[in-house]
Amino acid sequence: MPVNEAEAAKWFLQAAEQGDASAQGQIGFCYASGKGVTKNTEAGLDWLRKSAAQKDSSSQYMLGLLYEGRMGVTQDFQAAAAWCRQSADNGYLEAQLHMGQIHIAGRGVPQDYAAAAGWYHKAADQGSAEAELQLGVMYVKGQGLTQDYVAARAWYEKFAAHGSSTAMLNLGELAAQGKGGPPDFKRAVEWYERAVELDDPRAMFNLARLQATGK
């Protein structure tokens, strides 16, 4: 069926006027972005707020993104963080990830690595690969969490299961450096070789260096 954004917007609007929260969110995005309708930022925000008032998590998250200064909306980081927090509290995965980023950046909220880690844990509990990576990094650096290389390895291994060469590279480096256990060059080579199979040039370099120097 051919795409017809104007026709879609017409039906979203009709459903939104009947009080459907999802449709209110969709027509709000249409007005904010100009998809299928003449762009009208205020109308977009109004419809998104109506949807968010009905606890539509995706609309709450969209408001959070828009108030960061997107699509012509006046930038208000505190409002952005507040809307994103509502969505994250309702269990919306993308909002939980974004709350982690917001707390690390200190954007609209005080910079707080521990709070960021808390949000990443919530997102990881929902199976987010990105959150697994972030937790691995934070455990390595001791940001908001007690530095723990064993825990870092565990999170990287979860992320590697998604087929991430970055996780495999990080696991190889931890094994070679003896972080989270004694140095294990054989295991490091195994991780690097898995990353090389995914054409990761960083793993190719690390593998070559390890074979050239033995460390």
N, C-alpha and C. Protein backbone atom coordinates (compact mmCIF):
# COMPACT_ATOMS: atom_id res chain seq x y z
N MET A 1 0.85 -1.20 0.00
CA MET A 1 0.00 0.00 0.00
C MET A 1 0.89 1.25 0.00
N PRO A 2 0.65 2.20 -0.89
CA PRO A 2 1.50 3.39 -0.94
C PRO A 2 1.34 4.26 0.31
N VAL A 3 2.43 4.91 0.70
CA VAL A 3 2.41 5.80 1.86
C VAL A 3 1.65 7.07 1.51
N ASN A 4 0.77 7.48 2.41
CA ASN A 4 0.02 8.72 2.24
C ASN A 4 -0.02 9.43 3.59
N GLU A 5 0.97 10.27 3.85
CA GLU A 5 1.09 10.91 5.16
C GLU A 5 -0.09 11.83 5.46
N ALA A 6 -0.60 12.51 4.45
CA ALA A 6 -1.73 13.42 4.67
C ALA A 6 -2.98 12.64 5.09
N GLU A 7 -3.21 11.51 4.43
CA GLU A 7 -4.37 10.69 4.78
C GLU A 7 -4.21 10.11 6.19
N ALA A 8 -2.98 9.68 6.51
CA ALA A 8 -2.73 9.15 7.85
C ALA A 8 -2.99 10.22 8.91
N ALA A 9 -2.51 11.44 8.64
CA ALA A 9 -2.71 12.53 9.60
C ALA A 9 -4.19 12.82 9.79
N LYS A 10 -4.95 12.75 8.72
CA LYS A 10 -6.40 13.00 8.82
C LYS A 10 -7.06 12.03 9.79
N TRP A 11 -6.69 10.75 9.68
CA TRP A 11 -7.30 9.74 10.54
C TRP A 11 -6.76 9.82 11.98
N PHE A 12 -5.46 10.14 12.09
CA PHE A 12 -4.93 10.35 13.44
C PHE A 12 -5.69 11.48 14.15
N LEU A 13 -5.96 12.55 13.41
CA LEU A 13 -6.65 13.69 14.01
C LEU A 13 -8.06 13.32 14.43
N GLN A 14 -8.75 12.57 13.60
CA GLN A 14 -10.11 12.18 13.97
C GLN A 14 -10.11 11.32 15.22
N ALA A 15 -9.19 10.37 15.29
CA ALA A 15 -9.11 9.51 16.47
C ALA A 15 -8.69 10.32 17.69
N ALA A 16 -7.76 11.27 17.49
CA ALA A 16 -7.29 12.11 18.60
C ALA A 16 -8.43 12.94 19.16
N GLU A 17 -9.26 13.46 18.30
CA GLU A 17 -10.39 14.27 18.75
C GLU A 17 -11.40 13.45 19.54
N GLN A 18 -11.37 12.12 19.34
CA GLN A 18 -12.22 11.21 20.12
C GLN A 18 -11.57 10.80 21.44
N GLY A 19 -10.37 11.32 21.67
CA GLY A 19 -9.71 11.07 22.95
C GLY A 19 -8.72 9.93 22.98
N ASP A 20 -8.39 9.35 21.82
CA ASP A 20 -7.44 8.23 21.79
C ASP A 20 -6.03 8.75 22.07
N ALA A 21 -5.40 8.25 23.11
CA ALA A 21 -4.10 8.76 23.54
C ALA A 21 -3.01 8.51 22.50
N SER A 22 -2.99 7.33 21.92
CA SER A 22 -1.97 7.02 20.92
C SER A 22 -2.11 7.92 19.70
N ALA A 23 -3.35 8.14 19.28
CA ALA A 23 -3.59 9.01 18.13
C ALA A 23 -3.20 10.45 18.44
N GLN A 24 -3.47 10.88 19.66
CA GLN A 24 -3.06 12.23 20.07
C GLN A 24 -1.55 12.38 19.97
N GLY A 25 -0.84 11.36 20.39
CA GLY A 25 0.62 11.40 20.28
C GLY A 25 1.07 11.43 18.83
N GLN A 26 0.41 10.64 17.99
CA GLN A 26 0.80 10.57 16.58
C GLN A 26 0.52 11.89 15.86
N ILE A 27 -0.66 12.48 16.08
CA ILE A 27 -0.96 13.74 15.40
C ILE A 27 -0.09 14.86 15.97
N GLY A 28 0.26 14.74 17.25
CA GLY A 28 1.18 15.71 17.83
C GLY A 28 2.52 15.68 17.13
N PHE A 29 3.02 14.48 16.87
CA PHE A 29 4.29 14.35 16.14
C PHE A 29 4.14 14.87 14.71
N CYS A 30 3.01 14.59 14.09
CA CYS A 30 2.78 15.08 12.73
C CYS A 30 2.88 16.60 12.68
N TYR A 31 2.21 17.28 13.62
CA TYR A 31 2.26 18.74 13.62
C TYR A 31 3.66 19.25 13.97
N ALA A 32 4.32 18.59 14.90
CA ALA A 32 5.66 19.04 15.30
C ALA A 32 6.67 18.89 14.16
N SER A 33 6.51 17.83 13.38
CA SER A 33 7.48 17.52 12.31
C SER A 33 7.05 18.00 10.94
N GLY A 34 5.74 18.29 10.80
CA GLY A 34 5.23 18.69 9.49
C GLY A 34 4.97 17.52 8.57
N LYS A 35 4.77 16.34 9.11
CA LYS A 35 4.50 15.15 8.29
C LYS A 35 2.99 15.03 8.04
N GLY A 36 2.59 15.22 6.81
CA GLY A 36 1.19 15.06 6.44
C GLY A 36 0.32 16.27 6.73
N VAL A 37 0.87 17.25 7.43
CA VAL A 37 0.13 18.47 7.78
C VAL A 37 1.11 19.64 7.70
N THR A 38 0.56 20.84 7.72
CA THR A 38 1.42 22.02 7.81
C THR A 38 2.04 22.06 9.19
N LYS A 39 3.35 22.25 9.26
CA LYS A 39 4.04 22.24 10.54
C LYS A 39 3.47 23.32 11.47
N ASN A 40 3.15 22.89 12.69
CA ASN A 40 2.61 23.81 13.70
C ASN A 40 3.12 23.32 15.06
N THR A 41 4.21 23.92 15.51
CA THR A 41 4.88 23.44 16.72
C THR A 41 3.97 23.47 17.94
N GLU A 42 3.24 24.56 18.11
CA GLU A 42 2.38 24.68 19.30
C GLU A 42 1.26 23.66 19.28
N ALA A 43 0.68 23.42 18.10
CA ALA A 43 -0.36 22.40 18.01
C ALA A 43 0.22 21.02 18.32
N GLY A 44 1.44 20.79 17.84
CA GLY A 44 2.09 19.52 18.13
C GLY A 44 2.30 19.31 19.61
N LEU A 45 2.81 20.33 20.28
CA LEU A 45 3.02 20.23 21.72
C LEU A 45 1.70 20.04 22.46
N ASP A 46 0.67 20.74 22.02
CA ASP A 46 -0.64 20.63 22.68
C ASP A 46 -1.19 19.21 22.61
N TRP A 47 -1.12 18.61 21.42
CA TRP A 47 -1.62 17.24 21.28
C TRP A 47 -0.76 16.26 22.07
N LEU A 48 0.53 16.46 22.06
CA LEU A 48 1.41 15.57 22.83
C LEU A 48 1.14 15.68 24.32
N ARG A 49 0.88 16.88 24.80
CA ARG A 49 0.56 17.05 26.23
C ARG A 49 -0.75 16.33 26.57
N LYS A 50 -1.74 16.40 25.68
CA LYS A 50 -3.00 15.70 25.93
C LYS A 50 -2.77 14.19 26.02
N SER A 51 -1.93 13.70 25.12
CA SER A 51 -1.61 12.27 25.16
C SER A 51 -0.84 11.92 26.42
N ALA A 52 0.13 12.76 26.78
CA ALA A 52 0.95 12.51 27.97
C ALA A 52 0.10 12.54 29.24
N ALA A 53 -0.92 13.39 29.24
CA ALA A 53 -1.81 13.47 30.42
C ALA A 53 -2.57 12.16 30.63
N GLN A 54 -2.68 11.37 29.56
CA GLN A 54 -3.30 10.06 29.68
C GLN A 54 -2.25 8.96 29.92
N LYS A 55 -1.05 9.42 30.31
CA LYS A 55 0.05 8.53 30.67
C LYS A 55 0.58 7.73 29.48
N ASP A 56 0.51 8.32 28.29
CA ASP A 56 1.11 7.68 27.13
C ASP A 56 2.62 7.91 27.20
N SER A 57 3.36 6.84 27.45
CA SER A 57 4.81 6.96 27.71
C SER A 57 5.58 7.47 26.52
N SER A 58 5.17 7.06 25.32
CA SER A 58 5.91 7.50 24.13
C SER A 58 5.73 9.00 23.91
N SER A 59 4.56 9.53 24.23
CA SER A 59 4.34 10.98 24.10
C SER A 59 5.12 11.74 25.16
N GLN A 60 5.17 11.22 26.36
CA GLN A 60 5.97 11.85 27.41
C GLN A 60 7.43 11.91 26.98
N TYR A 61 7.92 10.83 26.40
CA TYR A 61 9.31 10.79 25.94
C TYR A 61 9.53 11.76 24.78
N MET A 62 8.59 11.81 23.86
CA MET A 62 8.71 12.73 22.72
C MET A 62 8.76 14.18 23.21
N LEU A 63 7.94 14.52 24.19
CA LEU A 63 7.99 15.87 24.76
C LEU A 63 9.37 16.15 25.35
N GLY A 64 9.93 15.14 26.02
CA GLY A 64 11.27 15.30 26.57
C GLY A 64 12.29 15.60 25.49
N LEU A 65 12.20 14.90 24.37
CA LEU A 65 13.14 15.14 23.28
C LEU A 65 12.92 16.52 22.65
N LEU A 66 11.67 16.89 22.45
CA LEU A 66 11.38 18.17 21.80
C LEU A 66 11.87 19.34 22.64
N TYR A 67 11.71 19.25 23.96
CA TYR A 67 12.13 20.35 24.82
C TYR A 67 13.65 20.46 24.95
N GLU A 68 14.36 19.52 24.36
CA GLU A 68 15.82 19.67 24.27
C GLU A 68 16.20 20.63 23.13
N GLY A 69 15.19 21.14 22.44
CA GLY A 69 15.43 22.11 21.39
C GLY A 69 15.29 21.53 20.00
N ARG A 70 14.53 20.46 19.88
CA ARG A 70 14.36 19.81 18.57
C ARG A 70 13.10 20.30 17.88
N MET A 71 13.10 20.22 16.57
CA MET A 71 11.95 20.56 15.73
C MET A 71 11.39 21.95 15.99
N GLY A 72 12.27 22.87 16.34
CA GLY A 72 11.84 24.25 16.51
C GLY A 72 11.28 24.60 17.87
N VAL A 73 11.28 23.65 18.80
CA VAL A 73 10.78 23.92 20.15
C VAL A 73 11.85 24.67 20.94
N THR A 74 11.42 25.68 21.70
CA THR A 74 12.36 26.43 22.52
C THR A 74 13.01 25.51 23.55
N GLN A 75 14.32 25.57 23.63
CA GLN A 75 15.08 24.67 24.50
C GLN A 75 14.79 24.94 25.97
N ASP A 76 14.47 23.87 26.69
CA ASP A 76 14.21 23.95 28.13
C ASP A 76 14.62 22.59 28.71
N PHE A 77 15.87 22.51 29.15
CA PHE A 77 16.39 21.22 29.60
C PHE A 77 15.70 20.69 30.85
N GLN A 78 15.26 21.58 31.73
CA GLN A 78 14.56 21.12 32.93
C GLN A 78 13.22 20.48 32.56
N ALA A 79 12.49 21.11 31.65
CA ALA A 79 11.23 20.53 31.19
C ALA A 79 11.49 19.22 30.46
N ALA A 80 12.56 19.20 29.65
CA ALA A 80 12.91 17.97 28.92
C ALA A 80 13.16 16.82 29.88
N ALA A 81 13.94 17.08 30.93
CA ALA A 81 14.26 16.04 31.91
C ALA A 81 13.01 15.59 32.66
N ALA A 82 12.13 16.53 32.97
CA ALA A 82 10.91 16.19 33.71
C ALA A 82 10.00 15.29 32.88
N TRP A 83 9.82 15.61 31.61
CA TRP A 83 8.97 14.78 30.76
C TRP A 83 9.61 13.41 30.54
N CYS A 84 10.90 13.40 30.32
CA CYS A 84 11.59 12.12 30.12
C CYS A 84 11.50 11.26 31.37
N ARG A 85 11.59 11.89 32.54
CA ARG A 85 11.50 11.15 33.80
C ARG A 85 10.13 10.50 33.94
N GLN A 86 9.07 11.23 33.56
CA GLN A 86 7.73 10.64 33.64
C GLN A 86 7.64 9.38 32.78
N SER A 87 8.17 9.47 31.58
CA SER A 87 8.14 8.33 30.68
C SER A 87 8.97 7.17 31.22
N ALA A 88 10.15 7.49 31.74
CA ALA A 88 11.03 6.46 32.28
C ALA A 88 10.40 5.78 33.49
N ASP A 89 9.74 6.57 34.34
CA ASP A 89 9.07 6.00 35.51
C ASP A 89 7.95 5.04 35.10
N ASN A 90 7.40 5.27 33.92
CA ASN A 90 6.35 4.38 33.40
C ASN A 90 6.92 3.16 32.69
N GLY A 91 8.27 3.04 32.73
CA GLY A 91 8.90 1.84 32.18
C GLY A 91 9.27 1.91 30.72
N TYR A 92 9.24 3.12 30.12
CA TYR A 92 9.55 3.24 28.70
C TYR A 92 11.06 3.14 28.51
N LEU A 93 11.48 2.11 27.78
CA LEU A 93 12.90 1.77 27.68
C LEU A 93 13.75 2.92 27.14
N GLU A 94 13.34 3.52 26.03
CA GLU A 94 14.14 4.58 25.44
C GLU A 94 14.30 5.75 26.40
N ALA A 95 13.27 6.02 27.18
CA ALA A 95 13.35 7.11 28.15
C ALA A 95 14.31 6.77 29.28
N GLN A 96 14.33 5.51 29.70
CA GLN A 96 15.27 5.10 30.75
C GLN A 96 16.71 5.27 30.27
N LEU A 97 16.98 4.88 29.03
CA LEU A 97 18.32 5.09 28.47
C LEU A 97 18.65 6.58 28.41
N HIS A 98 17.68 7.37 28.00
CA HIS A 98 17.92 8.80 27.87
C HIS A 98 18.15 9.44 29.24
N MET A 99 17.45 8.95 30.26
CA MET A 99 17.68 9.48 31.61
C MET A 99 19.11 9.21 32.05
N GLY A 100 19.65 8.06 31.66
CA GLY A 100 21.05 7.78 31.96
C GLY A 100 21.96 8.82 31.32
N GLN A 101 21.69 9.13 30.04
CA GLN A 101 22.50 10.13 29.33
C GLN A 101 22.34 11.51 29.95
N ILE A 102 21.11 11.85 30.33
CA ILE A 102 20.83 13.17 30.92
C ILE A 102 21.61 13.35 32.22
N HIS A 103 21.62 12.30 33.06
CA HIS A 103 22.32 12.42 34.35
C HIS A 103 23.83 12.46 34.17
N ILE A 104 24.35 11.77 33.18
CA ILE A 104 25.80 11.83 32.93
C ILE A 104 26.19 13.22 32.44
N ALA A 105 25.35 13.79 31.59
CA ALA A 105 25.65 15.12 31.04
C ALA A 105 25.31 16.25 32.01
N GLY A 106 24.45 15.97 33.00
CA GLY A 106 23.99 17.03 33.88
C GLY A 106 23.14 18.03 33.12
N ARG A 107 22.28 17.52 32.26
CA ARG A 107 21.47 18.36 31.38
C ARG A 107 20.04 18.46 31.92
N GLY A 108 19.76 19.56 32.61
CA GLY A 108 18.43 19.75 33.20
C GLY A 108 18.30 19.14 34.58
N VAL A 109 19.32 18.40 35.00
CA VAL A 109 19.40 17.80 36.34
C VAL A 109 20.86 17.87 36.77
N PRO A 110 21.13 17.76 38.07
CA PRO A 110 22.54 17.72 38.49
C PRO A 110 23.24 16.49 37.91
N GLN A 111 24.52 16.65 37.56
CA GLN A 111 25.27 15.50 37.07
C GLN A 111 25.35 14.46 38.19
N ASP A 112 24.98 13.23 37.88
CA ASP A 112 24.88 12.20 38.91
C ASP A 112 25.08 10.84 38.27
N TYR A 113 26.32 10.33 38.36
CA TYR A 113 26.63 9.05 37.73
C TYR A 113 25.90 7.88 38.39
N ALA A 114 25.69 7.99 39.69
CA ALA A 114 24.98 6.90 40.38
C ALA A 114 23.54 6.81 39.88
N ALA A 115 22.90 7.96 39.71
CA ALA A 115 21.54 7.97 39.17
C ALA A 115 21.53 7.43 37.75
N ALA A 116 22.54 7.80 36.95
CA ALA A 116 22.63 7.28 35.58
C ALA A 116 22.73 5.77 35.60
N ALA A 117 23.58 5.23 36.48
CA ALA A 117 23.74 3.78 36.57
C ALA A 117 22.43 3.11 36.94
N GLY A 118 21.68 3.77 37.83
CA GLY A 118 20.38 3.22 38.22
C GLY A 118 19.43 3.09 37.03
N TRP A 119 19.42 4.12 36.18
CA TRP A 119 18.56 4.06 34.99
C TRP A 119 19.06 3.03 34.00
N TYR A 120 20.37 2.91 33.87
CA TYR A 120 20.90 1.90 32.95
C TYR A 120 20.58 0.48 33.45
N HIS A 121 20.59 0.30 34.77
CA HIS A 121 20.20 -1.01 35.31
C HIS A 121 18.75 -1.33 34.95
N LYS A 122 17.87 -0.32 35.06
CA LYS A 122 16.46 -0.54 34.71
C LYS A 122 16.33 -0.90 33.24
N ALA A 123 17.07 -0.20 32.39
CA ALA A 123 17.01 -0.48 30.96
C ALA A 123 17.60 -1.86 30.64
N ALA A 124 18.69 -2.20 31.31
CA ALA A 124 19.32 -3.51 31.09
C ALA A 124 18.37 -4.63 31.51
N ASP A 125 17.60 -4.40 32.55
CA ASP A 125 16.63 -5.40 32.99
C ASP A 125 15.58 -5.67 31.91
N GLN A 126 15.42 -4.70 31.00
CA GLN A 126 14.49 -4.88 29.88
C GLN A 126 15.21 -5.42 28.63
N GLY A 127 16.50 -5.76 28.79
CA GLY A 127 17.23 -6.37 27.69
C GLY A 127 17.94 -5.41 26.77
N SER A 128 18.14 -4.16 27.22
CA SER A 128 18.79 -3.17 26.37
C SER A 128 20.29 -3.45 26.23
N ALA A 129 20.75 -3.66 25.00
CA ALA A 129 22.17 -3.88 24.75
C ALA A 129 22.97 -2.63 25.07
N GLU A 130 22.43 -1.47 24.73
CA GLU A 130 23.14 -0.21 24.99
C GLU A 130 23.38 -0.03 26.48
N ALA A 131 22.38 -0.36 27.30
CA ALA A 131 22.53 -0.24 28.74
C ALA A 131 23.58 -1.20 29.27
N GLU A 132 23.63 -2.39 28.71
CA GLU A 132 24.64 -3.36 29.13
C GLU A 132 26.05 -2.82 28.86
N LEU A 133 26.22 -2.19 27.71
CA LEU A 133 27.52 -1.59 27.39
C LEU A 133 27.85 -0.47 28.36
N GLN A 134 26.90 0.41 28.60
CA GLN A 134 27.15 1.54 29.49
C GLN A 134 27.51 1.08 30.90
N LEU A 135 26.84 0.05 31.38
CA LEU A 135 27.15 -0.46 32.72
C LEU A 135 28.55 -1.06 32.75
N GLY A 136 28.93 -1.75 31.69
CA GLY A 136 30.29 -2.29 31.62
C GLY A 136 31.32 -1.17 31.70
N VAL A 137 31.08 -0.11 30.95
CA VAL A 137 32.00 1.03 30.95
C VAL A 137 32.05 1.68 32.34
N MET A 138 30.90 1.84 32.96
CA MET A 138 30.85 2.51 34.26
C MET A 138 31.52 1.68 35.35
N TYR A 139 31.41 0.36 35.27
CA TYR A 139 32.10 -0.50 36.24
C TYR A 139 33.61 -0.45 36.03
N VAL A 140 34.04 -0.35 34.79
CA VAL A 140 35.48 -0.24 34.52
C VAL A 140 36.02 1.07 35.08
N LYS A 141 35.30 2.16 34.85
CA LYS A 141 35.77 3.49 35.25
C LYS A 141 35.45 3.84 36.70
N GLY A 142 34.56 3.06 37.33
CA GLY A 142 34.15 3.40 38.69
C GLY A 142 33.31 4.66 38.71
N GLN A 143 32.50 4.87 37.69
CA GLN A 143 31.64 6.05 37.61
C GLN A 143 30.26 5.73 38.17
N GLY A 144 29.96 6.27 39.34
CA GLY A 144 28.66 6.03 39.94
C GLY A 144 28.51 4.66 40.54
N LEU A 145 29.50 3.82 40.36
CA LEU A 145 29.52 2.45 40.86
C LEU A 145 30.92 2.16 41.39
N THR A 146 31.03 1.28 42.35
CA THR A 146 32.35 0.86 42.81
C THR A 146 33.05 0.13 41.66
N GLN A 147 34.29 0.54 41.38
CA GLN A 147 35.01 -0.10 40.28
C GLN A 147 35.06 -1.61 40.50
N ASP A 148 34.65 -2.35 39.49
CA ASP A 148 34.52 -3.80 39.64
C ASP A 148 34.70 -4.42 38.25
N TYR A 149 35.89 -4.93 38.01
CA TYR A 149 36.18 -5.49 36.68
C TYR A 149 35.44 -6.79 36.42
N VAL A 150 35.16 -7.54 37.48
CA VAL A 150 34.39 -8.78 37.31
C VAL A 150 32.99 -8.44 36.83
N ALA A 151 32.38 -7.45 37.47
CA ALA A 151 31.05 -7.01 37.05
C ALA A 151 31.10 -6.45 35.63
N ALA A 152 32.15 -5.70 35.33
CA ALA A 152 32.29 -5.14 33.98
C ALA A 152 32.33 -6.26 32.94
N ARG A 153 33.11 -7.29 33.24
CA ARG A 153 33.19 -8.42 32.30
C ARG A 153 31.81 -9.05 32.09
N ALA A 154 31.07 -9.19 33.18
CA ALA A 154 29.75 -9.82 33.09
C ALA A 154 28.82 -9.02 32.18
N TRP A 155 28.86 -7.69 32.32
CA TRP A 155 27.99 -6.85 31.47
C TRP A 155 28.48 -6.85 30.04
N TYR A 156 29.79 -6.81 29.83
CA TYR A 156 30.31 -6.86 28.47
C TYR A 156 29.95 -8.19 27.79
N GLU A 157 29.96 -9.26 28.56
CA GLU A 157 29.62 -10.57 27.99
C GLU A 157 28.15 -10.59 27.55
N LYS A 158 27.29 -9.94 28.34
CA LYS A 158 25.89 -9.84 27.94
C LYS A 158 25.78 -9.06 26.63
N PHE A 159 26.55 -7.97 26.55
CA PHE A 159 26.51 -7.14 25.35
C PHE A 159 27.10 -7.89 24.16
N ALA A 160 28.16 -8.65 24.39
CA ALA A 160 28.78 -9.42 23.31
C ALA A 160 27.81 -10.45 22.73
N ALA A 161 26.91 -10.95 23.57
CA ALA A 161 25.93 -11.93 23.10
C ALA A 161 25.01 -11.35 22.04
N HIS A 162 24.93 -10.02 21.97
CA HIS A 162 24.14 -9.36 20.93
C HIS A 162 24.94 -9.23 19.63
N GLY A 163 26.20 -9.69 19.64
CA GLY A 163 27.03 -9.60 18.45
C GLY A 163 27.83 -8.33 18.34
N SER A 164 28.13 -7.71 19.48
CA SER A 164 28.87 -6.45 19.47
C SER A 164 30.37 -6.68 19.45
N SER A 165 31.04 -6.16 18.41
CA SER A 165 32.49 -6.28 18.37
C SER A 165 33.15 -5.39 19.42
N THR A 166 32.47 -4.28 19.78
CA THR A 166 33.01 -3.39 20.83
C THR A 166 33.11 -4.14 22.15
N ALA A 167 32.08 -4.89 22.48
CA ALA A 167 32.11 -5.67 23.73
C ALA A 167 33.22 -6.72 23.67
N MET A 168 33.36 -7.37 22.54
CA MET A 168 34.41 -8.39 22.39
C MET A 168 35.79 -7.76 22.52
N LEU A 169 35.97 -6.59 21.93
CA LEU A 169 37.23 -5.87 22.04
C LEU A 169 37.53 -5.54 23.50
N ASN A 170 36.52 -5.02 24.20
CA ASN A 170 36.71 -4.66 25.61
C ASN A 170 37.02 -5.87 26.47
N LEU A 171 36.37 -6.98 26.18
CA LEU A 171 36.64 -8.22 26.93
C LEU A 171 38.06 -8.72 26.66
N GLY A 172 38.50 -8.59 25.43
CA GLY A 172 39.87 -8.98 25.11
C GLY A 172 40.88 -8.14 25.87
N GLU A 173 40.61 -6.83 25.95
CA GLU A 173 41.53 -5.94 26.66
C GLU A 173 41.56 -6.25 28.16
N LEU A 174 40.39 -6.50 28.75
CA LEU A 174 40.35 -6.84 30.18
C LEU A 174 41.11 -8.14 30.45
N ALA A 175 40.93 -9.12 29.57
CA ALA A 175 41.62 -10.40 29.75
C ALA A 175 43.13 -10.22 29.63
N ALA A 176 43.57 -9.45 28.64
CA ALA A 176 45.01 -9.24 28.43
C ALA A 176 45.64 -8.45 29.57
N GLN A 177 44.89 -7.51 30.13
CA GLN A 177 45.40 -6.66 31.21
C GLN A 177 45.25 -7.29 32.59
N GLY A 178 44.58 -8.44 32.66
CA GLY A 178 44.40 -9.10 33.95
C GLY A 178 43.47 -8.34 34.86
N LYS A 179 42.46 -7.71 34.30
CA LYS A 179 41.48 -6.97 35.09
C LYS A 179 40.22 -7.83 35.25
N GLY A 180 39.91 -8.17 36.50
CA GLY A 180 38.81 -9.08 36.76
C GLY A 180 39.27 -10.52 36.83
N GLY A 181 40.58 -10.71 36.90
CA GLY A 181 41.16 -12.05 36.96
C GLY A 181 42.60 -11.97 36.51
N PRO A 182 43.34 -13.08 36.59
CA PRO A 182 44.74 -13.05 36.14
C PRO A 182 44.81 -12.82 34.65
N PRO A 183 45.95 -12.27 34.15
CA PRO A 183 46.10 -12.09 32.70
C PRO A 183 45.87 -13.41 31.97
N ASP A 184 45.08 -13.34 30.92
CA ASP A 184 44.74 -14.55 30.18
C ASP A 184 44.83 -14.21 28.69
N PHE A 185 46.05 -14.35 28.13
CA PHE A 185 46.27 -13.94 26.75
C PHE A 185 45.54 -14.86 25.76
N LYS A 186 45.39 -16.12 26.13
CA LYS A 186 44.65 -17.02 25.26
C LYS A 186 43.21 -16.57 25.12
N ARG A 187 42.62 -16.19 26.26
CA ARG A 187 41.24 -15.73 26.22
C ARG A 187 41.14 -14.40 25.48
N ALA A 188 42.14 -13.54 25.66
CA ALA A 188 42.16 -12.26 24.95
C ALA A 188 42.16 -12.49 23.44
N VAL A 189 43.01 -13.42 22.99
CA VAL A 189 43.07 -13.73 21.56
C VAL A 189 41.72 -14.22 21.06
N GLU A 190 41.06 -15.05 21.86
CA GLU A 190 39.75 -15.58 21.45
C GLU A 190 38.74 -14.45 21.25
N TRP A 191 38.75 -13.49 22.18
CA TRP A 191 37.81 -12.36 22.04
C TRP A 191 38.17 -11.49 20.85
N TYR A 192 39.47 -11.23 20.67
CA TYR A 192 39.88 -10.41 19.52
C TYR A 192 39.53 -11.09 18.21
N GLU A 193 39.72 -12.41 18.14
CA GLU A 193 39.43 -13.12 16.91
C GLU A 193 37.93 -13.08 16.59
N ARG A 194 37.10 -13.13 17.63
CA ARG A 194 35.66 -13.03 17.40
C ARG A 194 35.31 -11.66 16.86
N ALA A 195 35.97 -10.62 17.39
CA ALA A 195 35.72 -9.26 16.90
C ALA A 195 36.26 -9.09 15.48
N VAL A 196 37.39 -9.72 15.19
CA VAL A 196 37.96 -9.66 13.83
C VAL A 196 37.00 -10.28 12.82
N GLU A 197 36.33 -11.32 13.21
CA GLU A 197 35.34 -11.95 12.32
C GLU A 197 34.24 -10.97 11.94
N LEU A 198 34.05 -9.93 12.78
CA LEU A 198 33.06 -8.89 12.49
C LEU A 198 33.71 -7.67 11.85
N ASP A 199 34.96 -7.86 11.38
CA ASP A 199 35.70 -6.81 10.65
C ASP A 199 35.99 -5.58 11.50
N ASP A 200 36.25 -5.77 12.78
CA ASP A 200 36.58 -4.64 13.64
C ASP A 200 38.08 -4.35 13.52
N PRO A 201 38.47 -3.19 12.97
CA PRO A 201 39.90 -2.89 12.78
C PRO A 201 40.65 -2.71 14.09
N ARG A 202 39.96 -2.29 15.14
CA ARG A 202 40.62 -2.13 16.44
C ARG A 202 41.06 -3.49 16.97
N ALA A 203 40.19 -4.48 16.79
CA ALA A 203 40.54 -5.85 17.23
C ALA A 203 41.68 -6.40 16.39
N MET A 204 41.69 -6.07 15.10
CA MET A 204 42.79 -6.52 14.24
C MET A 204 44.12 -5.97 14.75
N PHE A 205 44.11 -4.68 15.12
CA PHE A 205 45.33 -4.06 15.63
C PHE A 205 45.75 -4.69 16.96
N ASN A 206 44.79 -4.86 17.88
CA ASN A 206 45.12 -5.44 19.19
C ASN A 206 45.63 -6.87 19.06
N LEU A 207 45.03 -7.61 18.15
CA LEU A 207 45.46 -8.99 17.93
C LEU A 207 46.88 -9.03 17.37
N ALA A 208 47.16 -8.13 16.42
CA ALA A 208 48.49 -8.07 15.84
C ALA A 208 49.53 -7.66 16.89
N ARG A 209 49.17 -6.69 17.72
CA ARG A 209 50.09 -6.22 18.77
C ARG A 209 50.36 -7.33 19.78
N LEU A 210 49.30 -8.05 20.16
CA LEU A 210 49.45 -9.12 21.12
C LEU A 210 50.35 -10.23 20.57
N GLN A 211 50.19 -10.54 19.31
CA GLN A 211 50.99 -11.60 18.70
C GLN A 211 52.43 -11.13 18.47
N ALA A 212 52.60 -9.82 18.26
CA ALA A 212 53.95 -9.29 18.00
C ALA A 212 54.76 -9.13 19.28
N THR A 213 54.09 -8.80 20.37
CA THR A 213 54.81 -8.49 21.62
C THR A 213 54.59 -9.53 22.71
N GLY A 214 53.53 -10.33 22.54
CA GLY A 214 53.21 -11.31 23.57
C GLY A 214 52.54 -10.72 24.77
N LYS A 215 52.09 -9.44 24.63
CA LYS A 215 51.41 -8.80 25.79
C LYS A 215 50.52 -7.68 25.29
